[in-house]
Amino acid sequence: MAQSLIYVTAANREEALAIARELVNSRLAACANVLSGTTSVYHWEGEVCEDEEISMILKTRDDLIEQAVEKIKALHSYDCPCVVALPISTGNQAFLDWIDAETETKDS
């Protein structure tokens, strides 16, 4: 199976952890790294904004990306959350196999 990373920013650590827990519990992600100390500079509603946010990296299978994105959007506080998927081209095969195993459900 093919795997991807999903990069997400959140308003605060609590929100990021809640999203991470839900995706891991539902097996839409094998794991999540919640990273502190992100400063985001961006255009929003005609202004340049600068805010402290929390970044998160989720590891999942490609076939689960659409479900994961929809779940993240449903749980997220932002009107337009940053949620992007990046393909994993190669890596430690044992880790990639672990991602597959941890995202398997009886419906997979």
C-alpha atoms as a PDB file:
ATOM      1  CA  MET A   1       0.000   0.000   0.000  1.00  0.00           C
ATOM      2  CA  ALA A   2       1.035   3.608  -0.487  1.00  0.00           C
ATOM      3  CA  GLN A   3       1.323   5.998   2.441  1.00  0.00           C
ATOM      4  CA  SER A   4       1.191   9.764   2.920  1.00  0.00           C
ATOM      5  CA  LEU A   5       1.771  12.436   5.517  1.00  0.00           C
ATOM      6  CA  ILE A   6      -1.072  14.821   6.276  1.00  0.00           C
ATOM      7  CA  TYR A   7       0.080  18.245   7.451  1.00  0.00           C
ATOM      8  CA  VAL A   8      -2.403  20.235   9.557  1.00  0.00           C
ATOM      9  CA  THR A   9      -2.233  23.471  11.539  1.00  0.00           C
ATOM     10  CA  ALA A  10      -4.481  24.092  14.528  1.00  0.00           C
ATOM     11  CA  ALA A  11      -5.322  27.035  16.746  1.00  0.00           C
ATOM     12  CA  ASN A  12      -3.817  25.488  19.870  1.00  0.00           C
ATOM     13  CA  ARG A  13      -2.330  22.330  21.353  1.00  0.00           C
ATOM     14  CA  GLU A  14      -5.636  21.119  22.807  1.00  0.00           C
ATOM     15  CA  GLU A  15      -7.346  21.266  19.418  1.00  0.00           C
ATOM     16  CA  ALA A  16      -4.441  19.514  17.697  1.00  0.00           C
ATOM     17  CA  LEU A  17      -4.375  16.754  20.321  1.00  0.00           C
ATOM     18  CA  ALA A  18      -8.142  16.259  20.089  1.00  0.00           C
ATOM     19  CA  ILE A  19      -7.924  15.894  16.302  1.00  0.00           C
ATOM     20  CA  ALA A  20      -4.898  13.591  16.592  1.00  0.00           C
ATOM     21  CA  ARG A  21      -6.583  11.354  19.149  1.00  0.00           C
ATOM     22  CA  GLU A  22      -9.747  11.048  17.080  1.00  0.00           C
ATOM     23  CA  LEU A  23      -7.872  10.130  13.892  1.00  0.00           C
ATOM     24  CA  VAL A  24      -5.660   7.578  15.641  1.00  0.00           C
ATOM     25  CA  ASN A  25      -8.600   6.110  17.598  1.00  0.00           C
ATOM     26  CA  SER A  26     -10.619   5.718  14.401  1.00  0.00           C
ATOM     27  CA  ARG A  27      -7.575   4.238  12.619  1.00  0.00           C
ATOM     28  CA  LEU A  28      -7.582   6.945   9.960  1.00  0.00           C
ATOM     29  CA  ALA A  29      -3.978   7.645  11.016  1.00  0.00           C
ATOM     30  CA  ALA A  30      -1.325   5.375  12.484  1.00  0.00           C
ATOM     31  CA  CYS A  31       0.153   8.197  14.536  1.00  0.00           C
ATOM     32  CA  ALA A  32       0.405  11.952  14.834  1.00  0.00           C
ATOM     33  CA  ASN A  33       3.246  14.279  15.731  1.00  0.00           C
ATOM     34  CA  VAL A  34       2.003  17.459  17.415  1.00  0.00           C
ATOM     35  CA  LEU A  35       4.666  20.125  17.031  1.00  0.00           C
ATOM     36  CA  SER A  36       4.731  23.288  19.131  1.00  0.00           C
ATOM     37  CA  GLY A  37       5.902  26.750  18.226  1.00  0.00           C
ATOM     38  CA  THR A  38       4.654  27.385  14.694  1.00  0.00           C
ATOM     39  CA  THR A  39       4.306  31.009  13.646  1.00  0.00           C
ATOM     40  CA  SER A  40       2.091  31.364  10.595  1.00  0.00           C
ATOM     41  CA  VAL A  41       2.066  34.450   8.367  1.00  0.00           C
ATOM     42  CA  TYR A  42      -0.785  34.465   5.846  1.00  0.00           C
ATOM     43  CA  HIS A  43      -3.389  36.506   3.986  1.00  0.00           C
ATOM     44  CA  TRP A  44      -6.902  36.300   5.406  1.00  0.00           C
ATOM     45  CA  GLU A  45      -9.870  38.489   4.511  1.00  0.00           C
ATOM     46  CA  GLY A  46      -7.690  41.123   2.839  1.00  0.00           C
ATOM     47  CA  GLU A  47      -5.088  41.433   5.596  1.00  0.00           C
ATOM     48  CA  VAL A  48      -1.718  39.923   6.369  1.00  0.00           C
ATOM     49  CA  CYS A  49      -2.034  38.035   9.652  1.00  0.00           C
ATOM     50  CA  GLU A  50       0.543  36.520  11.976  1.00  0.00           C
ATOM     51  CA  ASP A  51      -0.502  33.939  14.563  1.00  0.00           C
ATOM     52  CA  GLU A  52       0.956  31.269  16.773  1.00  0.00           C
ATOM     53  CA  GLU A  53      -0.374  27.878  15.777  1.00  0.00           C
ATOM     54  CA  ILE A  54       0.357  24.224  16.353  1.00  0.00           C
ATOM     55  CA  SER A  55       1.482  22.030  13.456  1.00  0.00           C
ATOM     56  CA  MET A  56       0.632  18.367  13.231  1.00  0.00           C
ATOM     57  CA  ILE A  57       1.870  15.587  10.963  1.00  0.00           C
ATOM     58  CA  LEU A  58      -0.301  12.500  10.590  1.00  0.00           C
ATOM     59  CA  LYS A  59       0.845   9.254   8.967  1.00  0.00           C
ATOM     60  CA  THR A  60      -1.753   7.313   6.981  1.00  0.00           C
ATOM     61  CA  ARG A  61      -2.496   5.205   3.928  1.00  0.00           C
ATOM     62  CA  ASP A  62      -3.332   6.963   0.667  1.00  0.00           C
ATOM     63  CA  ASP A  63      -6.740   5.297   0.490  1.00  0.00           C
ATOM     64  CA  LEU A  64      -7.710   6.901   3.828  1.00  0.00           C
ATOM     65  CA  ILE A  65      -6.747  10.492   2.959  1.00  0.00           C
ATOM     66  CA  GLU A  66     -10.199  11.623   1.844  1.00  0.00           C
ATOM     67  CA  GLN A  67     -11.863  10.250   4.995  1.00  0.00           C
ATOM     68  CA  ALA A  68      -9.135  11.741   7.191  1.00  0.00           C
ATOM     69  CA  VAL A  69      -9.457  15.176   5.579  1.00  0.00           C
ATOM     70  CA  GLU A  70     -13.234  15.164   6.052  1.00  0.00           C
ATOM     71  CA  LYS A  71     -12.857  14.122   9.721  1.00  0.00           C
ATOM     72  CA  ILE A  72     -10.253  16.855  10.328  1.00  0.00           C
ATOM     73  CA  LYS A  73     -12.477  19.502   8.739  1.00  0.00           C
ATOM     74  CA  ALA A  74     -15.427  18.383  10.883  1.00  0.00           C
ATOM     75  CA  LEU A  75     -13.374  18.608  14.096  1.00  0.00           C
ATOM     76  CA  HIS A  76     -11.457  21.796  13.269  1.00  0.00           C
ATOM     77  CA  SER A  77     -12.338  25.279  14.543  1.00  0.00           C
ATOM     78  CA  TYR A  78     -11.138  27.154  11.432  1.00  0.00           C
ATOM     79  CA  ASP A  79     -13.377  28.072   8.492  1.00  0.00           C
ATOM     80  CA  CYS A  80     -10.624  26.991   6.082  1.00  0.00           C
ATOM     81  CA  PRO A  81      -8.111  24.749   7.900  1.00  0.00           C
ATOM     82  CA  CYS A  82      -4.727  23.916   6.431  1.00  0.00           C
ATOM     83  CA  VAL A  83      -4.970  20.203   5.627  1.00  0.00           C
ATOM     84  CA  VAL A  84      -2.642  18.914   2.903  1.00  0.00           C
ATOM     85  CA  ALA A  85      -1.460  15.429   2.021  1.00  0.00           C
ATOM     86  CA  LEU A  86       2.100  14.735   0.922  1.00  0.00           C
ATOM     87  CA  PRO A  87       3.020  11.362  -0.584  1.00  0.00           C
ATOM     88  CA  ILE A  88       5.753   9.286   1.009  1.00  0.00           C
ATOM     89  CA  SER A  89       8.001   8.129  -1.836  1.00  0.00           C
ATOM     90  CA  THR A  90      10.261   5.858   0.202  1.00  0.00           C
ATOM     91  CA  GLY A  91      11.474   5.198   3.718  1.00  0.00           C
ATOM     92  CA  ASN A  92      12.025   2.551   6.357  1.00  0.00           C
ATOM     93  CA  GLN A  93       9.896  -0.299   5.000  1.00  0.00           C
ATOM     94  CA  ALA A  94       9.236  -1.631   8.498  1.00  0.00           C
ATOM     95  CA  PHE A  95       7.766   1.763   9.470  1.00  0.00           C
ATOM     96  CA  LEU A  96       5.684   1.956   6.301  1.00  0.00           C
ATOM     97  CA  ASP A  97       4.379  -1.553   7.004  1.00  0.00           C
ATOM     98  CA  TRP A  98       3.540  -0.417  10.547  1.00  0.00           C
ATOM     99  CA  ILE A  99       1.464   2.478   9.139  1.00  0.00           C
ATOM    100  CA  ASP A 100      -0.470  -0.028   7.031  1.00  0.00           C
ATOM    101  CA  ALA A 101      -1.011  -2.386   9.973  1.00  0.00           C
ATOM    102  CA  GLU A 102      -2.131   0.373  12.364  1.00  0.00           C
ATOM    103  CA  THR A 103      -4.677   1.789   9.919  1.00  0.00           C
ATOM    104  CA  GLU A 104      -6.233  -1.570   9.082  1.00  0.00           C
ATOM    105  CA  THR A 105      -9.778  -2.193  10.156  1.00  0.00           C
ATOM    106  CA  LYS A 106     -12.038  -5.114   9.477  1.00  0.00           C
ATOM    107  CA  ASP A 107     -13.455  -2.998   6.607  1.00  0.00           C
ATOM    108  CA  SER A 108     -10.012  -2.354   5.033  1.00  0.00           C
END
